[in-house]
């Protein structure tokens, strides 16, 4: 099941929801795949750095550089839905420090910028 979920996730070049993955796998298998099962598998992929979660869209994207441990800054197009990312350790480091300064522990920056990609603009 994990391999099937990963294959389906990798098939998309845009963030995809667990429900979409479950629907596509259900159609492919000819039997219902529960979205909760897909969510659990996607959570494993995220914790293993094999996938990224796009929080604002409740969707997932294959991590194209799983060996990298930077906090990604995502750019998400409001028109076509594509997502790309860049790393900016100064920005995410400042956010981590700001959280620690306010008494938070295990701070994990989630930075998503929404707008129009170059093609849609």
Protein backbone atom coordinates (compact mmCIF):
# COMPACT_ATOMS: atom_id res chain seq x y z
CA UNK A 1 0.00 0.00 0.00
CA UNK A 2 2.86 2.42 0.81
CA UNK A 3 4.38 1.86 -2.62
CA UNK A 4 1.05 2.50 -4.29
CA UNK A 5 0.50 5.71 -2.33
CA UNK A 6 4.00 6.91 -3.16
CA UNK A 7 3.55 6.08 -6.86
CA UNK A 8 0.28 8.00 -6.94
CA UNK A 9 1.81 10.96 -5.10
CA UNK A 10 4.81 11.00 -7.44
CA UNK A 11 2.54 10.92 -10.49
CA UNK A 12 1.39 14.48 -9.73
CA UNK A 13 3.42 17.61 -10.32
CA UNK A 14 1.12 19.63 -8.04
CA UNK A 15 0.17 19.12 -4.41
CA UNK A 16 -2.45 16.39 -4.08
CA UNK A 17 -4.83 15.61 -1.23
CA UNK A 18 -5.10 12.31 0.59
CA UNK A 19 -8.71 12.11 -0.64
CA UNK A 20 -7.60 12.43 -4.26
CA UNK A 21 -4.98 9.74 -3.74
CA UNK A 22 -7.54 7.47 -2.06
CA UNK A 23 -10.05 8.01 -4.89
CA UNK A 24 -7.46 7.29 -7.57
CA UNK A 25 -6.20 4.17 -5.80
CA UNK A 26 -9.78 2.99 -5.21
CA UNK A 27 -10.51 3.28 -8.92
CA UNK A 28 -7.27 1.52 -9.80
CA UNK A 29 -7.81 -1.33 -7.32
CA UNK A 30 -11.52 -1.70 -7.82
CA UNK A 31 -12.06 -1.52 -4.06
CA UNK A 32 -12.33 1.36 -1.63
CA UNK A 33 -9.15 2.77 -0.12
CA UNK A 34 -9.83 4.76 3.05
CA UNK A 35 -8.47 8.32 3.12
CA UNK A 36 -7.44 7.76 6.78
CA UNK A 37 -5.09 4.98 5.66
CA UNK A 38 -3.61 7.27 3.03
CA UNK A 39 -3.16 10.04 5.63
CA UNK A 40 -1.25 7.67 7.92
CA UNK A 41 1.06 6.65 5.08
CA UNK A 42 1.58 10.26 3.99
CA UNK A 43 2.46 11.17 7.59
CA UNK A 44 5.14 8.47 7.49
CA UNK A 45 6.47 9.93 4.24
CA UNK A 46 6.54 13.44 5.72
CA UNK A 47 8.34 12.29 8.88
CA UNK A 48 10.85 10.42 6.69
CA UNK A 49 11.34 13.54 4.53
CA UNK A 50 10.05 11.73 1.42
CA UNK A 51 7.09 14.11 1.07
CA UNK A 52 6.19 17.65 2.03
CA UNK A 53 2.86 18.80 3.39
CA UNK A 54 1.38 21.98 1.98
CA UNK A 55 -0.46 23.10 5.09
CA UNK A 56 -2.66 25.79 3.51
CA UNK A 57 -4.03 23.32 0.96
CA UNK A 58 -4.05 20.21 3.18
CA UNK A 59 -2.15 18.51 0.35
CA UNK A 60 1.11 16.69 -0.20
CA UNK A 61 3.99 16.82 -2.64
CA UNK A 62 6.92 14.47 -3.23
CA UNK A 63 10.10 15.88 -1.71
CA UNK A 64 12.52 16.20 -4.62
CA UNK A 65 15.52 16.40 -2.29
CA UNK A 66 14.85 14.04 0.64
CA UNK A 67 18.43 14.26 1.94
CA UNK A 68 18.00 17.97 2.60
CA UNK A 69 16.87 18.97 6.09
CA UNK A 70 16.15 22.66 5.48
CA UNK A 71 12.84 24.24 6.33
CA UNK A 72 11.34 24.84 2.90
CA UNK A 73 9.60 28.04 1.93
CA UNK A 74 6.81 27.07 -0.47
CA UNK A 75 5.47 29.18 -3.32
CA UNK A 76 1.94 28.13 -4.27
CA UNK A 77 0.07 29.45 -7.31
CA UNK A 78 -3.53 30.37 -6.55
CA UNK A 79 -4.48 29.88 -10.20
CA UNK A 80 -2.90 26.65 -11.48
CA UNK A 81 -2.00 25.08 -8.12
CA UNK A 82 1.68 24.44 -8.82
CA UNK A 83 4.04 24.53 -5.89
CA UNK A 84 7.76 25.11 -5.77
CA UNK A 85 10.08 25.85 -2.91
CA UNK A 86 13.32 27.46 -1.92
CA UNK A 87 15.47 27.33 1.19
CA UNK A 88 16.25 30.43 3.22
CA UNK A 89 17.94 29.46 6.46
CA UNK A 90 18.16 33.09 7.61
CA UNK A 91 14.37 33.50 7.38
CA UNK A 92 13.41 30.17 8.91
CA UNK A 93 16.15 30.46 11.54
CA UNK A 94 14.75 33.85 12.59
CA UNK A 95 11.28 32.33 12.85
CA UNK A 96 12.59 29.45 14.97
CA UNK A 97 14.37 31.92 17.26
CA UNK A 98 11.28 34.12 17.54
CA UNK A 99 9.28 31.09 18.65
CA UNK A 100 11.92 30.12 21.20
CA UNK A 101 12.00 33.71 22.47
CA UNK A 102 8.27 33.39 23.16
CA UNK A 103 8.78 30.18 25.13
CA UNK A 104 7.98 27.63 22.44
CA UNK A 105 10.02 24.44 22.13
CA UNK A 106 10.51 22.25 19.07
CA UNK A 107 9.58 25.13 16.78
CA UNK A 108 8.96 24.07 13.16
CA UNK A 109 8.51 26.97 10.74
CA UNK A 110 5.81 26.54 8.11
CA UNK A 111 6.21 29.23 5.47
CA UNK A 112 3.94 29.30 2.45
CA UNK A 113 3.67 32.17 0.03
CA UNK A 114 0.58 32.26 -2.16
CA UNK A 115 0.19 34.26 -5.32
CA UNK A 116 0.49 33.77 -9.08
CA UNK A 117 3.33 31.86 -10.71
CA UNK A 118 5.20 33.41 -13.63
CA UNK A 119 3.07 31.52 -16.18
CA UNK A 120 -0.25 32.56 -14.62
CA UNK A 121 0.76 36.17 -13.95
